[in-house]
Amino acid sequence: MISLVNEAVECQEKIDCEKNNSCLPISREEAIQLLNSYPQATSDKNHYLESEAIMRGLAKKFGEDVEYWGMLGLLHDVDWSLTKENINDHLTKAPEILKKKGFSDEFIDIVVSHGYGFECAGLVDKKRGEKIEFCLAAAETLTGVIYAYALMRGGKISDMQVKGLKKKFKDKAFAANCNREIIREIEGAGLELGEFFEIAIDSLREIKDLIGLD
């Protein structure tokens, strides 16, 4: 009888897990270890943490699974250190790396979706269409604008305001490599740009000590 009860509980947990997209095969600590198993520049590691933080902030806003969304942000560039010498190879190795760690096809597809529209991995003709895809692409792109603005302010994010970030966002010469149109895709998730900036600033402010900001 106990065995049957345990099986029923495990079955229900699996159903709930699949329903809520919260089936993560590795812990956050193991994900960090995976990233650190490859040569990593400090700027890249900061980017992973920043993307994770903003995705967690967005998950809270939308009532989604914070751990799942955070993991997407943390591992979205899992093969970057292996492919950045030839950016067209970016996201060609990520599916295999993530598959070996037990991540679902859905998780892998979302990770790859942040490369849609780029030449890498033959994704130039693909377009994002899901809320979570818009969020990941917008979040990881916005990190560059925020970090550059913080450095311009002497490394300070503690008192950064949305108004100032909006001004820099409108200046296309500032952090020019950060595609504004991708950042604007957050509107496809039903979020106004200003609120997105506020969530992102607040999220990075919480981890400022980890990414070298004040």
C-alpha atoms as a PDB file:
ATOM      1  CA  MET A   1       0.000   0.000   0.000  1.00  0.00           C
ATOM      2  CA  ILE A   2       2.804   2.444   0.919  1.00  0.00           C
ATOM      3  CA  SER A   3       4.493   1.633  -2.372  1.00  0.00           C
ATOM      4  CA  LEU A   4       1.317   2.437  -4.313  1.00  0.00           C
ATOM      5  CA  VAL A   5       0.893   5.716  -2.436  1.00  0.00           C
ATOM      6  CA  ASN A   6       4.500   6.696  -3.167  1.00  0.00           C
ATOM      7  CA  GLU A   7       4.035   5.884  -6.847  1.00  0.00           C
ATOM      8  CA  ALA A   8       0.881   8.003  -6.954  1.00  0.00           C
ATOM      9  CA  VAL A   9       2.674  10.927  -5.303  1.00  0.00           C
ATOM     10  CA  GLU A  10       5.615  10.655  -7.703  1.00  0.00           C
ATOM     11  CA  CYS A  11       3.230  10.504 -10.653  1.00  0.00           C
ATOM     12  CA  GLN A  12       1.371  13.626  -9.508  1.00  0.00           C
ATOM     13  CA  GLU A  13       4.652  15.457  -8.890  1.00  0.00           C
ATOM     14  CA  LYS A  14       5.747  14.615 -12.423  1.00  0.00           C
ATOM     15  CA  ILE A  15       2.457  15.903 -13.848  1.00  0.00           C
ATOM     16  CA  ASP A  16       2.709  19.135 -11.828  1.00  0.00           C
ATOM     17  CA  CYS A  17       6.336  19.509 -12.855  1.00  0.00           C
ATOM     18  CA  GLU A  18       5.535  19.189 -16.554  1.00  0.00           C
ATOM     19  CA  LYS A  19       2.521  21.462 -16.253  1.00  0.00           C
ATOM     20  CA  ASN A  20       4.524  24.243 -14.597  1.00  0.00           C
ATOM     21  CA  ASN A  21       7.684  23.869 -16.732  1.00  0.00           C
ATOM     22  CA  SER A  22       9.670  23.447 -13.516  1.00  0.00           C
ATOM     23  CA  CYS A  23      11.444  20.199 -14.366  1.00  0.00           C
ATOM     24  CA  LEU A  24      15.072  21.209 -14.062  1.00  0.00           C
ATOM     25  CA  PRO A  25      17.540  18.326 -14.255  1.00  0.00           C
ATOM     26  CA  ILE A  26      20.375  20.180 -12.508  1.00  0.00           C
ATOM     27  CA  SER A  27      20.594  22.700  -9.686  1.00  0.00           C
ATOM     28  CA  ARG A  28      21.717  26.286 -10.057  1.00  0.00           C
ATOM     29  CA  GLU A  29      25.030  25.367  -8.458  1.00  0.00           C
ATOM     30  CA  GLU A  30      25.531  22.622 -11.030  1.00  0.00           C
ATOM     31  CA  ALA A  31      24.656  25.063 -13.806  1.00  0.00           C
ATOM     32  CA  ILE A  32      27.350  27.435 -12.525  1.00  0.00           C
ATOM     33  CA  GLN A  33      29.799  24.526 -12.468  1.00  0.00           C
ATOM     34  CA  LEU A  34      28.877  23.703 -16.064  1.00  0.00           C
ATOM     35  CA  LEU A  35      29.596  27.263 -17.167  1.00  0.00           C
ATOM     36  CA  ASN A  36      32.848  27.318 -15.220  1.00  0.00           C
ATOM     37  CA  SER A  37      33.970  24.094 -16.900  1.00  0.00           C
ATOM     38  CA  TYR A  38      34.640  26.231 -19.989  1.00  0.00           C
ATOM     39  CA  PRO A  39      37.020  29.207 -20.235  1.00  0.00           C
ATOM     40  CA  GLN A  40      34.962  32.269 -19.283  1.00  0.00           C
ATOM     41  CA  ALA A  41      35.699  35.970 -19.493  1.00  0.00           C
ATOM     42  CA  THR A  42      34.508  37.962 -16.486  1.00  0.00           C
ATOM     43  CA  SER A  43      32.275  40.075 -18.720  1.00  0.00           C
ATOM     44  CA  ASP A  44      30.598  36.938 -20.055  1.00  0.00           C
ATOM     45  CA  LYS A  45      30.020  35.532 -16.569  1.00  0.00           C
ATOM     46  CA  ASN A  46      28.497  38.850 -15.548  1.00  0.00           C
ATOM     47  CA  HIS A  47      26.197  38.685 -18.563  1.00  0.00           C
ATOM     48  CA  TYR A  48      24.955  35.212 -17.589  1.00  0.00           C
ATOM     49  CA  LEU A  49      24.170  36.375 -14.041  1.00  0.00           C
ATOM     50  CA  GLU A  50      22.509  39.558 -15.273  1.00  0.00           C
ATOM     51  CA  SER A  51      20.327  37.639 -17.722  1.00  0.00           C
ATOM     52  CA  GLU A  52      19.374  35.206 -14.970  1.00  0.00           C
ATOM     53  CA  ALA A  53      18.432  38.022 -12.598  1.00  0.00           C
ATOM     54  CA  ILE A  54      16.245  39.836 -15.120  1.00  0.00           C
ATOM     55  CA  MET A  55      14.516  36.612 -16.154  1.00  0.00           C
ATOM     56  CA  ARG A  56      13.776  35.868 -12.516  1.00  0.00           C
ATOM     57  CA  GLY A  57      12.341  39.365 -12.150  1.00  0.00           C
ATOM     58  CA  LEU A  58      10.145  38.858 -15.202  1.00  0.00           C
ATOM     59  CA  ALA A  59       8.963  35.482 -13.935  1.00  0.00           C
ATOM     60  CA  LYS A  60       7.826  37.134 -10.689  1.00  0.00           C
ATOM     61  CA  LYS A  61       6.012  39.802 -12.669  1.00  0.00           C
ATOM     62  CA  PHE A  62       4.160  37.256 -14.809  1.00  0.00           C
ATOM     63  CA  GLY A  63       3.572  34.691 -12.050  1.00  0.00           C
ATOM     64  CA  GLU A  64       5.777  32.131 -13.808  1.00  0.00           C
ATOM     65  CA  ASP A  65       8.270  29.592 -12.479  1.00  0.00           C
ATOM     66  CA  VAL A  66      11.153  31.727 -11.161  1.00  0.00           C
ATOM     67  CA  GLU A  67      13.700  28.898 -11.084  1.00  0.00           C
ATOM     68  CA  TYR A  68      12.911  27.764 -14.625  1.00  0.00           C
ATOM     69  CA  TRP A  69      13.027  31.255 -16.080  1.00  0.00           C
ATOM     70  CA  GLY A  70      16.189  32.024 -14.136  1.00  0.00           C
ATOM     71  CA  MET A  71      17.882  28.912 -15.483  1.00  0.00           C
ATOM     72  CA  LEU A  72      17.024  29.967 -19.023  1.00  0.00           C
ATOM     73  CA  GLY A  73      18.761  33.274 -18.427  1.00  0.00           C
ATOM     74  CA  LEU A  74      21.754  31.669 -16.765  1.00  0.00           C
ATOM     75  CA  LEU A  75      22.374  29.088 -19.494  1.00  0.00           C
ATOM     76  CA  HIS A  76      21.138  30.869 -22.620  1.00  0.00           C
ATOM     77  CA  ASP A  77      24.730  31.389 -23.814  1.00  0.00           C
ATOM     78  CA  VAL A  78      26.079  28.075 -22.553  1.00  0.00           C
ATOM     79  CA  ASP A  79      28.194  27.517 -25.679  1.00  0.00           C
ATOM     80  CA  TRP A  80      29.312  31.138 -26.117  1.00  0.00           C
ATOM     81  CA  SER A  81      32.843  30.615 -24.792  1.00  0.00           C
ATOM     82  CA  LEU A  82      33.260  27.728 -27.251  1.00  0.00           C
ATOM     83  CA  THR A  83      31.930  29.569 -30.288  1.00  0.00           C
ATOM     84  CA  LYS A  84      32.582  33.295 -29.902  1.00  0.00           C
ATOM     85  CA  GLU A  85      35.634  33.170 -32.150  1.00  0.00           C
ATOM     86  CA  ASN A  86      33.193  32.300 -34.934  1.00  0.00           C
ATOM     87  CA  ILE A  87      29.828  33.725 -33.925  1.00  0.00           C
ATOM     88  CA  ASN A  88      28.025  31.886 -36.709  1.00  0.00           C
ATOM     89  CA  ASP A  89      28.682  28.741 -34.661  1.00  0.00           C
ATOM     90  CA  HIS A  90      26.916  30.183 -31.614  1.00  0.00           C
ATOM     91  CA  LEU A  91      24.018  27.966 -30.475  1.00  0.00           C
ATOM     92  CA  THR A  92      25.217  25.028 -32.580  1.00  0.00           C
ATOM     93  CA  LYS A  93      26.780  23.320 -29.558  1.00  0.00           C
ATOM     94  CA  ALA A  94      24.263  24.421 -26.921  1.00  0.00           C
ATOM     95  CA  PRO A  95      21.576  21.824 -27.746  1.00  0.00           C
ATOM     96  CA  GLU A  96      23.974  18.910 -27.281  1.00  0.00           C
ATOM     97  CA  ILE A  97      25.451  20.367 -24.081  1.00  0.00           C
ATOM     98  CA  LEU A  98      22.021  20.913 -22.548  1.00  0.00           C
ATOM     99  CA  LYS A  99      20.655  17.576 -23.774  1.00  0.00           C
ATOM    100  CA  LYS A 100      23.510  15.733 -22.056  1.00  0.00           C
ATOM    101  CA  LYS A 101      22.585  17.474 -18.815  1.00  0.00           C
ATOM    102  CA  GLY A 102      19.000  16.278 -19.138  1.00  0.00           C
ATOM    103  CA  PHE A 103      17.221  19.461 -20.211  1.00  0.00           C
ATOM    104  CA  SER A 104      13.972  19.075 -22.122  1.00  0.00           C
ATOM    105  CA  ASP A 105      13.553  19.822 -25.809  1.00  0.00           C
ATOM    106  CA  GLU A 106      11.279  22.702 -24.827  1.00  0.00           C
ATOM    107  CA  PHE A 107      13.961  24.286 -22.642  1.00  0.00           C
ATOM    108  CA  ILE A 108      16.544  23.870 -25.399  1.00  0.00           C
ATOM    109  CA  ASP A 109      14.230  25.354 -28.018  1.00  0.00           C
ATOM    110  CA  ILE A 110      13.666  28.441 -25.858  1.00  0.00           C
ATOM    111  CA  VAL A 111      17.412  28.875 -25.367  1.00  0.00           C
ATOM    112  CA  VAL A 112      18.001  28.634 -29.113  1.00  0.00           C
ATOM    113  CA  SER A 113      15.181  31.092 -29.817  1.00  0.00           C
ATOM    114  CA  HIS A 114      17.234  34.026 -28.535  1.00  0.00           C
ATOM    115  CA  GLY A 115      19.352  33.583 -31.663  1.00  0.00           C
ATOM    116  CA  TYR A 116      16.413  33.886 -34.063  1.00  0.00           C
ATOM    117  CA  GLY A 117      17.065  36.485 -36.735  1.00  0.00           C
ATOM    118  CA  PHE A 118      20.842  36.062 -36.589  1.00  0.00           C
ATOM    119  CA  GLU A 119      23.136  34.155 -38.913  1.00  0.00           C
ATOM    120  CA  CYS A 120      24.264  31.835 -36.120  1.00  0.00           C
ATOM    121  CA  ALA A 121      23.111  28.224 -36.311  1.00  0.00           C
ATOM    122  CA  GLY A 122      21.075  28.951 -39.441  1.00  0.00           C
ATOM    123  CA  LEU A 123      18.468  30.908 -37.466  1.00  0.00           C
ATOM    124  CA  VAL A 124      18.278  34.039 -39.588  1.00  0.00           C
ATOM    125  CA  ASP A 125      14.798  33.312 -40.981  1.00  0.00           C
ATOM    126  CA  LYS A 126      13.221  32.258 -37.681  1.00  0.00           C
ATOM    127  CA  LYS A 127      11.047  34.557 -35.573  1.00  0.00           C
ATOM    128  CA  ARG A 128      10.061  34.481 -31.929  1.00  0.00           C
ATOM    129  CA  GLY A 129       6.385  34.067 -31.124  1.00  0.00           C
ATOM    130  CA  GLU A 130       6.058  33.025 -27.469  1.00  0.00           C
ATOM    131  CA  LYS A 131       6.033  35.250 -24.392  1.00  0.00           C
ATOM    132  CA  ILE A 132       8.959  33.452 -22.808  1.00  0.00           C
ATOM    133  CA  GLU A 133      10.991  33.792 -26.016  1.00  0.00           C
ATOM    134  CA  PHE A 134      10.360  37.542 -26.174  1.00  0.00           C
ATOM    135  CA  CYS A 135      11.389  37.843 -22.528  1.00  0.00           C
ATOM    136  CA  LEU A 136      14.635  35.923 -22.878  1.00  0.00           C
ATOM    137  CA  ALA A 137      15.765  37.785 -25.992  1.00  0.00           C
ATOM    138  CA  ALA A 138      14.842  41.193 -24.579  1.00  0.00           C
ATOM    139  CA  ALA A 139      16.346  40.492 -21.158  1.00  0.00           C
ATOM    140  CA  GLU A 140      19.717  39.258 -22.341  1.00  0.00           C
ATOM    141  CA  THR A 141      20.018  42.148 -24.804  1.00  0.00           C
ATOM    142  CA  LEU A 142      19.066  44.835 -22.290  1.00  0.00           C
ATOM    143  CA  THR A 143      21.864  43.749 -19.949  1.00  0.00           C
ATOM    144  CA  GLY A 144      24.401  45.398 -22.237  1.00  0.00           C
ATOM    145  CA  VAL A 145      22.666  48.774 -22.180  1.00  0.00           C
ATOM    146  CA  ILE A 146      22.233  48.768 -18.406  1.00  0.00           C
ATOM    147  CA  TYR A 147      25.799  47.688 -17.690  1.00  0.00           C
ATOM    148  CA  ALA A 148      27.252  50.269 -20.091  1.00  0.00           C
ATOM    149  CA  TYR A 149      25.122  52.977 -18.483  1.00  0.00           C
ATOM    150  CA  ALA A 150      26.219  51.880 -15.017  1.00  0.00           C
ATOM    151  CA  LEU A 151      29.887  52.071 -16.031  1.00  0.00           C
ATOM    152  CA  MET A 152      29.310  55.561 -17.443  1.00  0.00           C
ATOM    153  CA  ARG A 153      27.931  56.474 -14.026  1.00  0.00           C
ATOM    154  CA  GLY A 154      31.098  55.319 -12.279  1.00  0.00           C
ATOM    155  CA  GLY A 155      29.887  51.756 -11.829  1.00  0.00           C
ATOM    156  CA  LYS A 156      26.786  52.803  -9.898  1.00  0.00           C
ATOM    157  CA  ILE A 157      23.439  51.093 -10.332  1.00  0.00           C
ATOM    158  CA  SER A 158      22.133  51.632  -6.812  1.00  0.00           C
ATOM    159  CA  ASP A 159      20.531  54.958  -7.728  1.00  0.00           C
ATOM    160  CA  MET A 160      19.929  54.356 -11.450  1.00  0.00           C
ATOM    161  CA  GLN A 161      16.562  55.632 -12.639  1.00  0.00           C
ATOM    162  CA  VAL A 162      14.326  54.467 -15.481  1.00  0.00           C
ATOM    163  CA  LYS A 163      14.282  57.996 -16.936  1.00  0.00           C
ATOM    164  CA  GLY A 164      18.049  57.994 -17.425  1.00  0.00           C
ATOM    165  CA  LEU A 165      18.060  54.503 -18.900  1.00  0.00           C
ATOM    166  CA  LYS A 166      15.332  55.475 -21.355  1.00  0.00           C
ATOM    167  CA  LYS A 167      17.454  58.383 -22.536  1.00  0.00           C
ATOM    168  CA  LYS A 168      20.410  56.086 -23.211  1.00  0.00           C
ATOM    169  CA  PHE A 169      18.138  53.554 -24.863  1.00  0.00           C
ATOM    170  CA  LYS A 170      16.982  56.205 -27.338  1.00  0.00           C
ATOM    171  CA  ASP A 171      20.607  57.100 -28.143  1.00  0.00           C
ATOM    172  CA  LYS A 172      21.412  54.443 -30.737  1.00  0.00           C
ATOM    173  CA  ALA A 173      25.106  55.351 -30.635  1.00  0.00           C
ATOM    174  CA  PHE A 174      25.222  54.306 -26.967  1.00  0.00           C
ATOM    175  CA  ALA A 175      25.894  50.576 -26.495  1.00  0.00           C
ATOM    176  CA  ALA A 176      25.311  50.382 -30.234  1.00  0.00           C
ATOM    177  CA  ASN A 177      25.720  46.589 -30.356  1.00  0.00           C
ATOM    178  CA  CYS A 178      22.591  46.140 -28.229  1.00  0.00           C
ATOM    179  CA  ASN A 179      19.739  45.793 -30.706  1.00  0.00           C
ATOM    180  CA  ARG A 180      16.916  48.091 -29.635  1.00  0.00           C
ATOM    181  CA  GLU A 181      14.330  46.238 -31.689  1.00  0.00           C
ATOM    182  CA  ILE A 182      15.053  43.013 -29.812  1.00  0.00           C
ATOM    183  CA  ILE A 183      14.661  44.838 -26.510  1.00  0.00           C
ATOM    184  CA  ARG A 184      11.337  46.218 -27.736  1.00  0.00           C
ATOM    185  CA  GLU A 185      10.130  42.648 -28.239  1.00  0.00           C
ATOM    186  CA  ILE A 186       9.251  42.696 -24.550  1.00  0.00           C
ATOM    187  CA  GLU A 187       6.072  44.462 -25.672  1.00  0.00           C
ATOM    188  CA  GLY A 188       5.113  41.201 -27.384  1.00  0.00           C
ATOM    189  CA  ALA A 189       5.008  39.698 -23.893  1.00  0.00           C
ATOM    190  CA  GLY A 190       2.513  42.360 -22.859  1.00  0.00           C
ATOM    191  CA  LEU A 191       4.956  44.523 -20.886  1.00  0.00           C
ATOM    192  CA  GLU A 192       5.471  48.246 -21.415  1.00  0.00           C
ATOM    193  CA  LEU A 193       9.085  49.261 -22.022  1.00  0.00           C
ATOM    194  CA  GLY A 194       9.344  51.516 -18.979  1.00  0.00           C
ATOM    195  CA  GLU A 195       8.110  48.817 -16.613  1.00  0.00           C
ATOM    196  CA  PHE A 196      10.550  46.372 -18.173  1.00  0.00           C
ATOM    197  CA  PHE A 197      13.393  48.794 -17.496  1.00  0.00           C
ATOM    198  CA  GLU A 198      12.281  49.148 -13.885  1.00  0.00           C
ATOM    199  CA  ILE A 199      12.157  45.377 -13.375  1.00  0.00           C
ATOM    200  CA  ALA A 200      15.571  44.984 -14.998  1.00  0.00           C
ATOM    201  CA  ILE A 201      17.240  47.731 -12.957  1.00  0.00           C
ATOM    202  CA  ASP A 202      15.764  46.393  -9.713  1.00  0.00           C
ATOM    203  CA  SER A 203      16.863  42.855 -10.610  1.00  0.00           C
ATOM    204  CA  LEU A 204      20.459  43.863 -11.326  1.00  0.00           C
ATOM    205  CA  ARG A 205      20.575  46.080  -8.269  1.00  0.00           C
ATOM    206  CA  GLU A 206      19.949  42.951  -6.181  1.00  0.00           C
ATOM    207  CA  ILE A 207      23.092  41.259  -7.564  1.00  0.00           C
ATOM    208  CA  LYS A 208      25.306  44.341  -7.959  1.00  0.00           C
ATOM    209  CA  ASP A 209      28.023  42.926  -5.726  1.00  0.00           C
ATOM    210  CA  LEU A 210      28.273  39.820  -7.921  1.00  0.00           C
ATOM    211  CA  ILE A 211      28.719  41.767 -11.161  1.00  0.00           C
ATOM    212  CA  GLY A 212      31.157  44.427 -10.004  1.00  0.00           C
ATOM    213  CA  LEU A 213      28.745  47.320  -9.639  1.00  0.00           C
ATOM    214  CA  ASP A 214      27.990  49.642  -6.755  1.00  0.00           C
END
